[in-house]
N, C-alpha and C. Protein backbone atom coordinates (compact mmCIF):
# COMPACT_ATOMS: atom_id res chain seq x y z
N UNK A 1 41.58 -0.35 54.03
CA UNK A 1 40.68 0.40 55.22
C UNK A 1 39.70 1.35 54.81
N UNK A 2 39.59 2.32 53.46
CA UNK A 2 38.70 2.90 53.05
C UNK A 2 37.60 2.17 52.34
N UNK A 3 37.96 1.23 51.84
CA UNK A 3 37.06 0.08 51.05
C UNK A 3 35.90 -0.26 51.85
N UNK A 4 35.91 -0.60 53.03
CA UNK A 4 35.10 -1.15 53.63
C UNK A 4 33.78 -0.34 53.98
N UNK A 5 33.89 0.71 54.37
CA UNK A 5 33.15 1.64 54.62
C UNK A 5 32.00 1.74 53.21
N UNK A 6 32.78 2.09 52.05
CA UNK A 6 32.21 2.10 50.66
C UNK A 6 31.49 0.63 50.06
N UNK A 7 32.10 -0.76 50.51
CA UNK A 7 31.37 -1.50 50.25
C UNK A 7 30.07 -1.41 51.16
N UNK A 8 30.05 -1.33 52.50
CA UNK A 8 28.87 -1.52 53.45
C UNK A 8 27.63 -0.31 52.96
N UNK A 9 28.18 0.70 52.55
CA UNK A 9 27.24 1.68 51.84
C UNK A 9 26.43 1.17 50.52
N UNK A 10 27.61 0.72 49.48
CA UNK A 10 26.73 0.21 48.35
C UNK A 10 25.84 -1.29 48.77
N UNK A 11 26.36 -1.61 49.65
CA UNK A 11 25.73 -3.24 50.18
C UNK A 11 24.00 -2.42 50.51
N UNK A 12 23.94 -1.68 51.38
CA UNK A 12 22.81 -0.74 51.77
C UNK A 12 22.26 -0.16 50.65
N UNK A 13 22.61 0.21 49.86
CA UNK A 13 21.78 0.55 48.44
C UNK A 13 20.99 -0.51 47.94
N UNK A 14 22.09 -1.56 47.51
CA UNK A 14 21.21 -2.76 46.92
C UNK A 14 20.47 -3.43 47.86
N UNK A 15 20.69 -3.45 49.23
CA UNK A 15 19.07 -3.83 50.00
C UNK A 15 17.88 -3.00 49.68
N UNK A 16 18.10 -1.73 49.42
CA UNK A 16 17.08 -0.58 49.28
C UNK A 16 16.26 -0.34 48.17
N UNK A 17 16.75 -1.10 47.20
CA UNK A 17 16.51 -0.60 45.74
C UNK A 17 15.79 -1.70 44.89
N UNK A 18 14.66 -1.14 44.59
CA UNK A 18 13.76 -1.80 43.45
C UNK A 18 14.04 -2.83 42.96
N UNK A 19 14.07 -4.06 42.09
CA UNK A 19 14.20 -4.80 41.14
C UNK A 19 14.35 -4.17 39.76
N UNK A 20 15.36 -3.87 39.05
CA UNK A 20 14.97 -3.10 37.67
C UNK A 20 15.38 -1.83 37.80
N UNK A 21 16.20 -1.24 39.45
CA UNK A 21 16.56 -0.08 39.61
C UNK A 21 17.89 0.15 38.86
N UNK A 22 18.32 1.09 38.44
CA UNK A 22 19.24 1.73 37.80
C UNK A 22 20.41 1.60 38.44
N UNK A 23 20.11 2.22 39.38
CA UNK A 23 21.03 2.14 41.03
C UNK A 23 21.50 0.79 41.48
N UNK A 24 21.30 0.01 40.79
CA UNK A 24 21.38 -1.54 41.56
C UNK A 24 22.56 -1.99 40.65
N UNK A 25 22.26 -1.19 39.46
CA UNK A 25 23.47 -1.94 38.22
C UNK A 25 24.68 -0.84 38.57
N UNK A 26 24.60 0.06 38.93
CA UNK A 26 25.87 1.03 39.13
C UNK A 26 26.37 0.67 40.59
N UNK A 27 25.42 0.32 41.68
CA UNK A 27 26.28 -0.42 42.65
C UNK A 27 26.45 -1.37 42.75
N UNK A 28 26.28 -2.39 41.53
CA UNK A 28 26.82 -4.00 41.44
C UNK A 28 28.14 -3.45 41.06
N UNK A 29 28.33 -2.60 39.86
CA UNK A 29 29.57 -2.66 39.19
C UNK A 29 30.37 -1.67 39.82
N UNK A 30 29.91 -1.39 40.77
CA UNK A 30 31.06 -0.33 41.76
C UNK A 30 31.67 -1.53 42.88
N UNK A 31 30.73 -2.30 42.97
CA UNK A 31 30.92 -3.25 44.33
C UNK A 31 32.43 -4.12 43.12
N UNK A 32 31.89 -4.39 42.15
CA UNK A 32 33.03 -5.27 41.47
C UNK A 32 34.40 -4.74 41.16
N UNK A 33 34.41 -3.46 40.73
CA UNK A 33 35.89 -2.88 40.90
C UNK A 33 36.63 -2.92 41.97
N UNK A 34 36.03 -3.38 43.20
CA UNK A 34 36.88 -3.68 44.11
C UNK A 34 37.56 -4.86 44.32
N UNK A 35 37.04 -5.65 43.65
CA UNK A 35 37.77 -7.05 43.72
C UNK A 35 37.48 -7.88 44.90
N UNK A 36 38.59 -8.18 45.47
CA UNK A 36 38.68 -9.51 46.48
C UNK A 36 38.30 -8.47 47.83
N UNK A 37 38.69 -7.14 47.98
CA UNK A 37 38.32 -6.24 48.74
C UNK A 37 36.64 -6.17 48.96
N UNK A 38 35.98 -6.52 48.02
CA UNK A 38 34.41 -6.50 48.33
C UNK A 38 33.98 -7.89 48.56
N UNK A 39 34.27 -8.66 49.50
CA UNK A 39 33.82 -9.94 49.38
C UNK A 39 32.75 -9.90 50.57
N UNK A 40 32.60 -9.04 51.25
CA UNK A 40 31.60 -8.83 52.35
C UNK A 40 30.04 -8.85 51.37
N UNK A 41 30.24 -8.50 50.23
CA UNK A 41 29.43 -7.83 49.57
C UNK A 41 28.61 -9.48 48.65
N UNK A 42 29.13 -10.65 48.85
CA UNK A 42 28.56 -11.48 48.19
C UNK A 42 27.06 -12.12 48.47
N UNK A 43 26.70 -11.71 49.79
CA UNK A 43 25.16 -11.87 50.18
C UNK A 43 24.31 -11.50 49.49
N UNK A 44 24.95 -9.82 49.48
CA UNK A 44 24.06 -9.00 48.60
C UNK A 44 23.67 -9.22 47.04
N UNK A 45 24.77 -9.65 46.85
CA UNK A 45 24.92 -10.01 44.99
C UNK A 45 23.89 -11.06 45.00
N UNK A 46 24.05 -11.81 45.90
CA UNK A 46 23.03 -13.25 45.29
C UNK A 46 21.86 -13.35 45.77
N UNK A 47 21.39 -12.06 46.08
CA UNK A 47 19.94 -11.37 46.28
C UNK A 47 19.54 -10.60 44.95
N UNK A 48 20.75 -10.24 44.25
CA UNK A 48 20.37 -8.98 42.97
C UNK A 48 20.46 -10.22 41.88
N UNK A 49 21.22 -10.95 41.79
CA UNK A 49 21.52 -11.82 40.60
C UNK A 49 20.37 -12.28 39.95
N UNK A 50 18.90 -12.33 40.01
CA UNK A 50 17.86 -12.49 39.71
C UNK A 50 16.96 -11.41 39.35
N UNK A 51 18.01 -10.13 39.25
CA UNK A 51 17.15 -8.78 38.95
C UNK A 51 16.55 -8.71 36.94
N UNK A 52 15.19 -8.33 37.04
CA UNK A 52 15.04 -8.36 35.84
C UNK A 52 15.70 -7.79 34.34
N UNK A 53 16.34 -6.83 34.69
CA UNK A 53 17.59 -6.39 33.85
C UNK A 53 18.90 -7.07 33.55
N UNK A 54 19.43 -7.20 32.59
CA UNK A 54 20.14 -8.62 32.11
C UNK A 54 21.39 -8.15 32.57
N UNK A 55 21.45 -6.42 32.39
CA UNK A 55 22.81 -5.54 32.50
C UNK A 55 23.14 -5.67 33.92
N UNK A 56 22.01 -5.75 34.68
CA UNK A 56 22.24 -6.05 36.10
C UNK A 56 22.84 -7.55 36.33
N UNK A 57 22.19 -8.18 35.97
CA UNK A 57 22.74 -9.50 36.20
C UNK A 57 24.07 -9.80 35.83
N UNK A 58 24.48 -9.31 34.29
CA UNK A 58 25.82 -9.64 33.92
C UNK A 58 26.97 -8.75 35.10
N UNK A 59 26.57 -7.55 35.41
CA UNK A 59 27.31 -7.11 36.48
C UNK A 59 27.47 -7.93 37.61
N UNK A 60 26.32 -8.92 38.19
CA UNK A 60 26.85 -9.44 38.77
C UNK A 60 27.60 -10.59 38.72
N UNK A 61 27.35 -11.18 37.78
CA UNK A 61 28.70 -12.28 37.26
C UNK A 61 29.96 -11.81 37.36
N UNK A 62 30.01 -10.50 37.03
CA UNK A 62 31.21 -10.03 36.69
C UNK A 62 31.84 -9.59 38.10
N UNK A 63 30.99 -9.01 38.68
CA UNK A 63 31.61 -8.99 40.17
C UNK A 63 32.22 -9.97 40.94
N UNK A 64 31.04 -10.58 41.19
CA UNK A 64 31.63 -12.39 41.85
C UNK A 64 33.17 -12.69 40.87
N UNK A 65 33.02 -12.61 39.90
CA UNK A 65 34.38 -13.10 39.20
C UNK A 65 35.47 -12.33 39.85
N UNK A 66 35.39 -11.08 40.02
CA UNK A 66 36.50 -10.27 40.26
C UNK A 66 36.61 -10.22 41.70
N UNK A 67 35.37 -10.92 42.69
CA UNK A 67 35.85 -10.96 44.04
C UNK A 67 36.66 -12.20 44.03
N UNK A 68 36.10 -13.12 43.43
CA UNK A 68 36.75 -14.52 43.62
C UNK A 68 37.99 -14.53 42.66
N UNK A 69 38.44 -13.94 42.02
CA UNK A 69 39.62 -13.90 40.91
C UNK A 69 41.04 -13.72 41.90
N UNK A 70 42.13 -14.31 41.70
CA UNK A 70 43.30 -14.33 42.32
C UNK A 70 43.97 -13.05 41.81
N UNK A 71 44.47 -12.50 42.73
CA UNK A 71 45.22 -10.82 42.73
C UNK A 71 46.59 -11.30 41.52
């Protein structure tokens, strides 16, 4: 129950940041750390997957893998 507000805040951060922002990278990494509990972040991650920073694109792929991975 505590994770949902955190994921929602990270989603807002993703929506409010510019491409290439370091905040996008860190928010994406944080979302990935929540695994399947962050499933509501998938639409936001889909918008970030074309970020100009390869590190952010890699973090998106990792986060999506963790969200979709079985426990």
